[in-house]
Amino acid sequence: MAIDETTVRKVARLARIALPEARVPAMAKEISGILSWIEQLNEVDVEGVEPMTSAVEGAALPMRQDVVTDGDNPQRVLANAPKAEDGFFVVPKVVE
């Protein structure tokens, strides 16, 4: 499937992507290449292949206990803070 420059401009505008005019021909070629690769994937026979939820089926991931380790020592936790006050981190205001 070939994508022309008009389609690239339209997609860029809809996606609100600033695409310089000099990049339009290269982007059309790149998108056309991606779509032809997808068309190749559609030709693969997957009849009888079960869908996978993971690339490593049946392997159990190691789990650790979810325990609090530093919560009982606020002075040690706040020692790395650039600024602390009344046992809390002081951070810049982000919403006015």
PDB file of N, CA and C in Angstrom:
ATOM      1  N   MET A   1       0.845  -1.170   0.000  1.00  0.00           N
ATOM      2  CA  MET A   1       0.000   0.000   0.000  1.00  0.00           C
ATOM      3  C   MET A   1       0.891   1.234   0.000  1.00  0.00           C
ATOM      4  N   ALA A   2       0.704   2.101  -0.934  1.00  0.00           N
ATOM      5  CA  ALA A   2       1.514   3.309  -1.040  1.00  0.00           C
ATOM      6  C   ALA A   2       0.763   4.486  -0.433  1.00  0.00           C
ATOM      7  N   ILE A   3       1.474   5.257   0.340  1.00  0.00           N
ATOM      8  CA  ILE A   3       0.913   6.459   0.948  1.00  0.00           C
ATOM      9  C   ILE A   3       1.492   7.659   0.198  1.00  0.00           C
ATOM     10  N   ASP A   4       0.620   8.551  -0.265  1.00  0.00           N
ATOM     11  CA  ASP A   4       1.112   9.718  -0.989  1.00  0.00           C
ATOM     12  C   ASP A   4       1.349  10.886  -0.024  1.00  0.00           C
ATOM     13  N   GLU A   5       1.963  11.928  -0.534  1.00  0.00           N
ATOM     14  CA  GLU A   5       2.338  13.072   0.299  1.00  0.00           C
ATOM     15  C   GLU A   5       1.124  13.809   0.854  1.00  0.00           C
ATOM     16  N   THR A   6       0.038  13.818   0.100  1.00  0.00           N
ATOM     17  CA  THR A   6      -1.181  14.470   0.584  1.00  0.00           C
ATOM     18  C   THR A   6      -1.703  13.772   1.834  1.00  0.00           C
ATOM     19  N   THR A   7      -1.677  12.439   1.822  1.00  0.00           N
ATOM     20  CA  THR A   7      -2.139  11.677   2.984  1.00  0.00           C
ATOM     21  C   THR A   7      -1.228  11.923   4.186  1.00  0.00           C
ATOM     22  N   VAL A   8       0.076  12.006   3.949  1.00  0.00           N
ATOM     23  CA  VAL A   8       1.020  12.268   5.041  1.00  0.00           C
ATOM     24  C   VAL A   8       0.729  13.629   5.673  1.00  0.00           C
ATOM     25  N   ARG A   9       0.506  14.630   4.851  1.00  0.00           N
ATOM     26  CA  ARG A   9       0.183  15.962   5.378  1.00  0.00           C
ATOM     27  C   ARG A   9      -1.104  15.929   6.204  1.00  0.00           C
ATOM     28  N   LYS A  10      -2.109  15.202   5.698  1.00  0.00           N
ATOM     29  CA  LYS A  10      -3.394  15.120   6.396  1.00  0.00           C
ATOM     30  C   LYS A  10      -3.235  14.422   7.741  1.00  0.00           C
ATOM     31  N   VAL A  11      -2.497  13.301   7.766  1.00  0.00           N
ATOM     32  CA  VAL A  11      -2.291  12.564   9.016  1.00  0.00           C
ATOM     33  C   VAL A  11      -1.508  13.419  10.005  1.00  0.00           C
ATOM     34  N   ALA A  12      -0.496  14.115   9.533  1.00  0.00           N
ATOM     35  CA  ALA A  12       0.291  14.990  10.412  1.00  0.00           C
ATOM     36  C   ALA A  12      -0.584  16.090  11.004  1.00  0.00           C
ATOM     37  N   ARG A  13      -1.453  16.659  10.179  1.00  0.00           N
ATOM     38  CA  ARG A  13      -2.345  17.712  10.678  1.00  0.00           C
ATOM     39  C   ARG A  13      -3.319  17.154  11.704  1.00  0.00           C
ATOM     40  N   LEU A  14      -3.907  15.977  11.426  1.00  0.00           N
ATOM     41  CA  LEU A  14      -4.857  15.372  12.357  1.00  0.00           C
ATOM     42  C   LEU A  14      -4.193  14.978  13.674  1.00  0.00           C
ATOM     43  N   ALA A  15      -2.931  14.540  13.599  1.00  0.00           N
ATOM     44  CA  ALA A  15      -2.198  14.138  14.794  1.00  0.00           C
ATOM     45  C   ALA A  15      -1.549  15.335  15.475  1.00  0.00           C
ATOM     46  N   ARG A  16      -1.698  16.500  14.879  1.00  0.00           N
ATOM     47  CA  ARG A  16      -1.106  17.723  15.383  1.00  0.00           C
ATOM     48  C   ARG A  16       0.411  17.593  15.546  1.00  0.00           C
ATOM     49  N   ILE A  17       1.027  17.039  14.498  1.00  0.00           N
ATOM     50  CA  ILE A  17       2.473  16.871  14.449  1.00  0.00           C
ATOM     51  C   ILE A  17       3.031  17.901  13.478  1.00  0.00           C
ATOM     52  N   ALA A  18       3.998  18.680  13.933  1.00  0.00           N
ATOM     53  CA  ALA A  18       4.648  19.652  13.060  1.00  0.00           C
ATOM     54  C   ALA A  18       5.607  18.895  12.157  1.00  0.00           C
ATOM     55  N   LEU A  19       5.278  18.802  10.893  1.00  0.00           N
ATOM     56  CA  LEU A  19       6.089  18.076   9.927  1.00  0.00           C
ATOM     57  C   LEU A  19       6.589  19.057   8.877  1.00  0.00           C
ATOM     58  N   PRO A  20       7.900  19.315   8.874  1.00  0.00           N
ATOM     59  CA  PRO A  20       8.434  20.239   7.856  1.00  0.00           C
ATOM     60  C   PRO A  20       8.191  19.694   6.453  1.00  0.00           C
ATOM     61  N   GLU A  21       7.955  20.584   5.522  1.00  0.00           N
ATOM     62  CA  GLU A  21       7.648  20.191   4.139  1.00  0.00           C
ATOM     63  C   GLU A  21       8.775  19.346   3.535  1.00  0.00           C
ATOM     64  N   ALA A  22       9.991  19.590   3.934  1.00  0.00           N
ATOM     65  CA  ALA A  22      11.122  18.825   3.399  1.00  0.00           C
ATOM     66  C   ALA A  22      11.090  17.362   3.837  1.00  0.00           C
ATOM     67  N   ARG A  23      10.431  17.070   4.964  1.00  0.00           N
ATOM     68  CA  ARG A  23      10.368  15.697   5.486  1.00  0.00           C
ATOM     69  C   ARG A  23       9.194  14.897   4.926  1.00  0.00           C
ATOM     70  N   VAL A  24       8.256  15.547   4.256  1.00  0.00           N
ATOM     71  CA  VAL A  24       7.047  14.878   3.769  1.00  0.00           C
ATOM     72  C   VAL A  24       7.358  13.718   2.819  1.00  0.00           C
ATOM     73  N   PRO A  25       8.193  13.883   1.787  1.00  0.00           N
ATOM     74  CA  PRO A  25       8.461  12.741   0.889  1.00  0.00           C
ATOM     75  C   PRO A  25       9.107  11.555   1.612  1.00  0.00           C
ATOM     76  N   ALA A  26      10.053  11.835   2.514  1.00  0.00           N
ATOM     77  CA  ALA A  26      10.710  10.747   3.255  1.00  0.00           C
ATOM     78  C   ALA A  26       9.716  10.044   4.180  1.00  0.00           C
ATOM     79  N   MET A  27       8.833  10.817   4.793  1.00  0.00           N
ATOM     80  CA  MET A  27       7.838  10.229   5.699  1.00  0.00           C
ATOM     81  C   MET A  27       6.844   9.372   4.911  1.00  0.00           C
ATOM     82  N   ALA A  28       6.459   9.808   3.720  1.00  0.00           N
ATOM     83  CA  ALA A  28       5.548   9.012   2.883  1.00  0.00           C
ATOM     84  C   ALA A  28       6.191   7.678   2.535  1.00  0.00           C
ATOM     85  N   LYS A  29       7.474   7.703   2.187  1.00  0.00           N
ATOM     86  CA  LYS A  29       8.184   6.467   1.866  1.00  0.00           C
ATOM     87  C   LYS A  29       8.293   5.559   3.091  1.00  0.00           C
ATOM     88  N   GLU A  30       8.579   6.154   4.244  1.00  0.00           N
ATOM     89  CA  GLU A  30       8.725   5.369   5.476  1.00  0.00           C
ATOM     90  C   GLU A  30       7.400   4.716   5.883  1.00  0.00           C
ATOM     91  N   ILE A  31       6.323   5.464   5.831  1.00  0.00           N
ATOM     92  CA  ILE A  31       5.007   4.917   6.196  1.00  0.00           C
ATOM     93  C   ILE A  31       4.590   3.835   5.201  1.00  0.00           C
ATOM     94  N   SER A  32       4.858   4.045   3.922  1.00  0.00           N
ATOM     95  CA  SER A  32       4.537   3.022   2.913  1.00  0.00           C
ATOM     96  C   SER A  32       5.302   1.738   3.199  1.00  0.00           C
ATOM     97  N   GLY A  33       6.563   1.856   3.604  1.00  0.00           N
ATOM     98  CA  GLY A  33       7.356   0.676   3.945  1.00  0.00           C
ATOM     99  C   GLY A  33       6.798  -0.065   5.140  1.00  0.00           C
ATOM    100  N   ILE A  34       6.362   0.676   6.143  1.00  0.00           N
ATOM    101  CA  ILE A  34       5.773   0.050   7.332  1.00  0.00           C
ATOM    102  C   ILE A  34       4.497  -0.691   6.957  1.00  0.00           C
ATOM    103  N   LEU A  35       3.652  -0.055   6.155  1.00  0.00           N
ATOM    104  CA  LEU A  35       2.392  -0.698   5.764  1.00  0.00           C
ATOM    105  C   LEU A  35       2.630  -1.932   4.895  1.00  0.00           C
ATOM    106  N   SER A  36       3.652  -1.905   4.045  1.00  0.00           N
ATOM    107  CA  SER A  36       3.928  -3.107   3.237  1.00  0.00           C
ATOM    108  C   SER A  36       4.449  -4.234   4.126  1.00  0.00           C
ATOM    109  N   TRP A  37       5.199  -3.905   5.170  1.00  0.00           N
ATOM    110  CA  TRP A  37       5.651  -4.922   6.116  1.00  0.00           C
ATOM    111  C   TRP A  37       4.456  -5.532   6.856  1.00  0.00           C
ATOM    112  N   ILE A  38       3.493  -4.708   7.224  1.00  0.00           N
ATOM    113  CA  ILE A  38       2.283  -5.206   7.888  1.00  0.00           C
ATOM    114  C   ILE A  38       1.504  -6.118   6.945  1.00  0.00           C
ATOM    115  N   GLU A  39       1.452  -5.765   5.661  1.00  0.00           N
ATOM    116  CA  GLU A  39       0.783  -6.629   4.688  1.00  0.00           C
ATOM    117  C   GLU A  39       1.482  -7.979   4.594  1.00  0.00           C
ATOM    118  N   GLN A  40       2.809  -7.986   4.694  1.00  0.00           N
ATOM    119  CA  GLN A  40       3.549  -9.257   4.708  1.00  0.00           C
ATOM    120  C   GLN A  40       3.168 -10.082   5.928  1.00  0.00           C
ATOM    121  N   LEU A  41       3.017  -9.449   7.064  1.00  0.00           N
ATOM    122  CA  LEU A  41       2.635 -10.177   8.280  1.00  0.00           C
ATOM    123  C   LEU A  41       1.243 -10.781   8.147  1.00  0.00           C
ATOM    124  N   ASN A  42       0.353 -10.103   7.431  1.00  0.00           N
ATOM    125  CA  ASN A  42      -0.999 -10.625   7.240  1.00  0.00           C
ATOM    126  C   ASN A  42      -1.012 -11.895   6.398  1.00  0.00           C
ATOM    127  N   GLU A  43       0.056 -12.142   5.635  1.00  0.00           N
ATOM    128  CA  GLU A  43       0.130 -13.336   4.799  1.00  0.00           C
ATOM    129  C   GLU A  43       0.567 -14.576   5.573  1.00  0.00           C
ATOM    130  N   VAL A  44       1.049 -14.412   6.793  1.00  0.00           N
ATOM    131  CA  VAL A  44       1.529 -15.537   7.594  1.00  0.00           C
ATOM    132  C   VAL A  44       0.339 -16.381   8.036  1.00  0.00           C
ATOM    133  N   ASP A  45       0.467 -17.707   7.863  1.00  0.00           N
ATOM    134  CA  ASP A  45      -0.596 -18.629   8.271  1.00  0.00           C
ATOM    135  C   ASP A  45      -0.491 -18.878   9.779  1.00  0.00           C
ATOM    136  N   VAL A  46      -1.471 -18.419  10.526  1.00  0.00           N
ATOM    137  CA  VAL A  46      -1.483 -18.603  11.973  1.00  0.00           C
ATOM    138  C   VAL A  46      -2.625 -19.529  12.401  1.00  0.00           C
ATOM    139  N   GLU A  47      -3.147 -20.286  11.482  1.00  0.00           N
ATOM    140  CA  GLU A  47      -4.227 -21.227  11.775  1.00  0.00           C
ATOM    141  C   GLU A  47      -3.745 -22.250  12.797  1.00  0.00           C
ATOM    142  N   GLY A  48      -4.476 -22.387  13.878  1.00  0.00           N
ATOM    143  CA  GLY A  48      -4.145 -23.359  14.909  1.00  0.00           C
ATOM    144  C   GLY A  48      -3.137 -22.870  15.934  1.00  0.00           C
ATOM    145  N   VAL A  49      -2.664 -21.653  15.811  1.00  0.00           N
ATOM    146  CA  VAL A  49      -1.710 -21.104  16.782  1.00  0.00           C
ATOM    147  C   VAL A  49      -2.502 -20.395  17.874  1.00  0.00           C
ATOM    148  N   GLU A  50      -2.283 -20.822  19.105  1.00  0.00           N
ATOM    149  CA  GLU A  50      -3.000 -20.228  20.237  1.00  0.00           C
ATOM    150  C   GLU A  50      -2.452 -18.827  20.534  1.00  0.00           C
ATOM    151  N   PRO A  51      -3.326 -17.910  20.894  1.00  0.00           N
ATOM    152  CA  PRO A  51      -2.849 -16.574  21.289  1.00  0.00           C
ATOM    153  C   PRO A  51      -1.993 -16.665  22.552  1.00  0.00           C
ATOM    154  N   MET A  52      -0.981 -15.832  22.627  1.00  0.00           N
ATOM    155  CA  MET A  52      -0.087 -15.838  23.780  1.00  0.00           C
ATOM    156  C   MET A  52      -0.338 -14.613  24.643  1.00  0.00           C
ATOM    157  N   THR A  53      -0.234 -14.803  25.944  1.00  0.00           N
ATOM    158  CA  THR A  53      -0.305 -13.670  26.858  1.00  0.00           C
ATOM    159  C   THR A  53       1.081 -13.263  27.313  1.00  0.00           C
ATOM    160  N   SER A  54       2.058 -14.131  27.081  1.00  0.00           N
ATOM    161  CA  SER A  54       3.428 -13.849  27.473  1.00  0.00           C
ATOM    162  C   SER A  54       4.368 -14.628  26.567  1.00  0.00           C
ATOM    163  N   ALA A  55       5.553 -14.110  26.354  1.00  0.00           N
ATOM    164  CA  ALA A  55       6.535 -14.823  25.548  1.00  0.00           C
ATOM    165  C   ALA A  55       7.129 -15.997  26.316  1.00  0.00           C
ATOM    166  N   VAL A  56       7.001 -15.982  27.638  1.00  0.00           N
ATOM    167  CA  VAL A  56       7.539 -17.047  28.476  1.00  0.00           C
ATOM    168  C   VAL A  56       6.357 -17.708  29.189  1.00  0.00           C
ATOM    169  N   GLU A  57       5.760 -18.691  28.548  1.00  0.00           N
ATOM    170  CA  GLU A  57       4.593 -19.366  29.121  1.00  0.00           C
ATOM    171  C   GLU A  57       5.009 -20.321  30.232  1.00  0.00           C
ATOM    172  N   GLY A  58       4.268 -20.322  31.307  1.00  0.00           N
ATOM    173  CA  GLY A  58       4.460 -21.299  32.367  1.00  0.00           C
ATOM    174  C   GLY A  58       5.575 -20.970  33.344  1.00  0.00           C
ATOM    175  N   ALA A  59       6.356 -19.943  33.120  1.00  0.00           N
ATOM    176  CA  ALA A  59       7.434 -19.598  34.043  1.00  0.00           C
ATOM    177  C   ALA A  59       6.884 -18.683  35.125  1.00  0.00           C
ATOM    178  N   ALA A  60       7.107 -19.054  36.365  1.00  0.00           N
ATOM    179  CA  ALA A  60       6.642 -18.242  37.483  1.00  0.00           C
ATOM    180  C   ALA A  60       7.709 -17.215  37.833  1.00  0.00           C
ATOM    181  N   LEU A  61       7.305 -15.988  37.970  1.00  0.00           N
ATOM    182  CA  LEU A  61       8.245 -14.948  38.343  1.00  0.00           C
ATOM    183  C   LEU A  61       8.486 -14.992  39.845  1.00  0.00           C
ATOM    184  N   PRO A  62       9.708 -14.740  40.271  1.00  0.00           N
ATOM    185  CA  PRO A  62       9.977 -14.763  41.709  1.00  0.00           C
ATOM    186  C   PRO A  62       9.256 -13.619  42.395  1.00  0.00           C
ATOM    187  N   MET A  63       8.699 -13.899  43.525  1.00  0.00           N
ATOM    188  CA  MET A  63       7.968 -12.888  44.288  1.00  0.00           C
ATOM    189  C   MET A  63       8.719 -12.637  45.597  1.00  0.00           C
ATOM    190  N   ARG A  64       8.631 -11.416  46.091  1.00  0.00           N
ATOM    191  CA  ARG A  64       9.211 -11.099  47.388  1.00  0.00           C
ATOM    192  C   ARG A  64       8.097 -10.638  48.311  1.00  0.00           C
ATOM    193  N   GLN A  65       8.368 -10.692  49.570  1.00  0.00           N
ATOM    194  CA  GLN A  65       7.396 -10.230  50.543  1.00  0.00           C
ATOM    195  C   GLN A  65       7.271  -8.710  50.449  1.00  0.00           C
ATOM    196  N   ASP A  66       6.065  -8.216  50.522  1.00  0.00           N
ATOM    197  CA  ASP A  66       5.815  -6.784  50.474  1.00  0.00           C
ATOM    198  C   ASP A  66       5.832  -6.264  51.904  1.00  0.00           C
ATOM    199  N   VAL A  67       7.003  -5.853  52.347  1.00  0.00           N
ATOM    200  CA  VAL A  67       7.145  -5.374  53.717  1.00  0.00           C
ATOM    201  C   VAL A  67       7.746  -3.967  53.703  1.00  0.00           C
ATOM    202  N   VAL A  68       7.365  -3.181  54.693  1.00  0.00           N
ATOM    203  CA  VAL A  68       7.905  -1.834  54.843  1.00  0.00           C
ATOM    204  C   VAL A  68       9.275  -1.957  55.498  1.00  0.00           C
ATOM    205  N   THR A  69      10.278  -1.322  54.908  1.00  0.00           N
ATOM    206  CA  THR A  69      11.620  -1.424  55.469  1.00  0.00           C
ATOM    207  C   THR A  69      12.143  -0.105  56.019  1.00  0.00           C
ATOM    208  N   ASP A  70      11.752   1.047  55.449  1.00  0.00           N
ATOM    209  CA  ASP A  70      12.281   2.329  55.903  1.00  0.00           C
ATOM    210  C   ASP A  70      11.231   3.219  56.569  1.00  0.00           C
ATOM    211  N   GLY A  71      10.014   2.779  56.677  1.00  0.00           N
ATOM    212  CA  GLY A  71       8.951   3.624  57.193  1.00  0.00           C
ATOM    213  C   GLY A  71       9.052   3.917  58.673  1.00  0.00           C
ATOM    214  N   ASP A  72       9.827   3.131  59.397  1.00  0.00           N
ATOM    215  CA  ASP A  72       9.881   3.321  60.842  1.00  0.00           C
ATOM    216  C   ASP A  72      10.987   4.276  61.267  1.00  0.00           C
ATOM    217  N   ASN A  73      11.720   4.866  60.323  1.00  0.00           N
ATOM    218  CA  ASN A  73      12.820   5.752  60.656  1.00  0.00           C
ATOM    219  C   ASN A  73      12.756   7.006  59.780  1.00  0.00           C
ATOM    220  N   PRO A  74      11.858   7.951  60.109  1.00  0.00           N
ATOM    221  CA  PRO A  74      11.677   9.120  59.245  1.00  0.00           C
ATOM    222  C   PRO A  74      12.934   9.984  59.109  1.00  0.00           C
ATOM    223  N   GLN A  75      13.765  10.068  60.136  1.00  0.00           N
ATOM    224  CA  GLN A  75      14.976  10.883  60.040  1.00  0.00           C
ATOM    225  C   GLN A  75      15.913  10.310  58.974  1.00  0.00           C
ATOM    226  N   ARG A  76      16.033   9.005  58.923  1.00  0.00           N
ATOM    227  CA  ARG A  76      16.907   8.376  57.939  1.00  0.00           C
ATOM    228  C   ARG A  76      16.335   8.544  56.526  1.00  0.00           C
ATOM    229  N   VAL A  77      15.011   8.426  56.391  1.00  0.00           N
ATOM    230  CA  VAL A  77      14.376   8.589  55.091  1.00  0.00           C
ATOM    231  C   VAL A  77      14.541  10.019  54.598  1.00  0.00           C
ATOM    232  N   LEU A  78      14.353  10.998  55.469  1.00  0.00           N
ATOM    233  CA  LEU A  78      14.427  12.404  55.083  1.00  0.00           C
ATOM    234  C   LEU A  78      15.863  12.919  54.986  1.00  0.00           C
ATOM    235  N   ALA A  79      16.845  12.103  55.340  1.00  0.00           N
ATOM    236  CA  ALA A  79      18.243  12.545  55.288  1.00  0.00           C
ATOM    237  C   ALA A  79      18.668  12.891  53.859  1.00  0.00           C
ATOM    238  N   ASN A  80      18.087  12.268  52.872  1.00  0.00           N
ATOM    239  CA  ASN A  80      18.440  12.542  51.476  1.00  0.00           C
ATOM    240  C   ASN A  80      17.602  13.650  50.852  1.00  0.00           C
ATOM    241  N   ALA A  81      16.641  14.171  51.579  1.00  0.00           N
ATOM    242  CA  ALA A  81      15.772  15.213  51.028  1.00  0.00           C
ATOM    243  C   ALA A  81      16.534  16.532  50.928  1.00  0.00           C
ATOM    244  N   PRO A  82      16.397  17.251  49.796  1.00  0.00           N
ATOM    245  CA  PRO A  82      17.032  18.564  49.705  1.00  0.00           C
ATOM    246  C   PRO A  82      16.469  19.524  50.744  1.00  0.00           C
ATOM    247  N   LYS A  83      15.174  19.353  51.042  1.00  0.00           N
ATOM    248  CA  LYS A  83      14.537  20.205  52.048  1.00  0.00           C
ATOM    249  C   LYS A  83      13.414  19.410  52.716  1.00  0.00           C
ATOM    250  N   ALA A  84      13.362  19.440  54.039  1.00  0.00           N
ATOM    251  CA  ALA A  84      12.314  18.745  54.785  1.00  0.00           C
ATOM    252  C   ALA A  84      11.798  19.666  55.875  1.00  0.00           C
ATOM    253  N   GLU A  85      10.517  19.455  56.208  1.00  0.00           N
ATOM    254  CA  GLU A  85       9.909  20.278  57.245  1.00  0.00           C
ATOM    255  C   GLU A  85       8.836  19.471  57.961  1.00  0.00           C
ATOM    256  N   ASP A  86       8.884  19.406  59.280  1.00  0.00           N
ATOM    257  CA  ASP A  86       7.903  18.695  60.105  1.00  0.00           C
ATOM    258  C   ASP A  86       7.747  17.234  59.699  1.00  0.00           C
ATOM    259  N   GLY A  87       8.843  16.590  59.304  1.00  0.00           N
ATOM    260  CA  GLY A  87       8.802  15.175  58.952  1.00  0.00           C
ATOM    261  C   GLY A  87       8.295  14.886  57.549  1.00  0.00           C
ATOM    262  N   PHE A  88       8.229  15.913  56.695  1.00  0.00           N
ATOM    263  CA  PHE A  88       7.756  15.737  55.323  1.00  0.00           C
ATOM    264  C   PHE A  88       8.762  16.333  54.341  1.00  0.00           C
ATOM    265  N   PHE A  89       8.735  15.825  53.092  1.00  0.00           N
ATOM    266  CA  PHE A  89       9.525  16.419  52.028  1.00  0.00           C
ATOM    267  C   PHE A  89       8.901  17.748  51.646  1.00  0.00           C
ATOM    268  N   VAL A  90       9.717  18.765  51.376  1.00  0.00           N
ATOM    269  CA  VAL A  90       9.238  20.033  50.860  1.00  0.00           C
ATOM    270  C   VAL A  90       9.553  20.063  49.371  1.00  0.00           C
ATOM    271  N   VAL A  91       8.518  20.247  48.550  1.00  0.00           N
ATOM    272  CA  VAL A  91       8.678  20.251  47.114  1.00  0.00           C
ATOM    273  C   VAL A  91       8.121  21.552  46.548  1.00  0.00           C
ATOM    274  N   PRO A  92       8.569  21.944  45.350  1.00  0.00           N
ATOM    275  CA  PRO A  92       8.040  23.165  44.748  1.00  0.00           C
ATOM    276  C   PRO A  92       6.556  23.023  44.419  1.00  0.00           C
ATOM    277  N   LYS A  93       5.850  24.114  44.532  1.00  0.00           N
ATOM    278  CA  LYS A  93       4.438  24.149  44.186  1.00  0.00           C
ATOM    279  C   LYS A  93       4.305  23.995  42.675  1.00  0.00           C
ATOM    280  N   VAL A  94       3.429  23.092  42.218  1.00  0.00           N
ATOM    281  CA  VAL A  94       3.258  22.866  40.786  1.00  0.00           C
ATOM    282  C   VAL A  94       1.919  23.341  40.260  1.00  0.00           C
ATOM    283  N   VAL A  95       0.959  23.578  41.130  1.00  0.00           N
ATOM    284  CA  VAL A  95      -0.360  24.067  40.720  1.00  0.00           C
ATOM    285  C   VAL A  95      -0.622  25.362  41.450  1.00  0.00           C
ATOM    286  N   GLU A  96      -1.005  26.374  40.695  1.00  0.00           N
ATOM    287  CA  GLU A  96      -1.278  27.662  41.324  1.00  0.00           C
ATOM    288  C   GLU A  96      -2.748  27.913  41.444  1.00  0.00           C
TER     289      GLU A  96
END
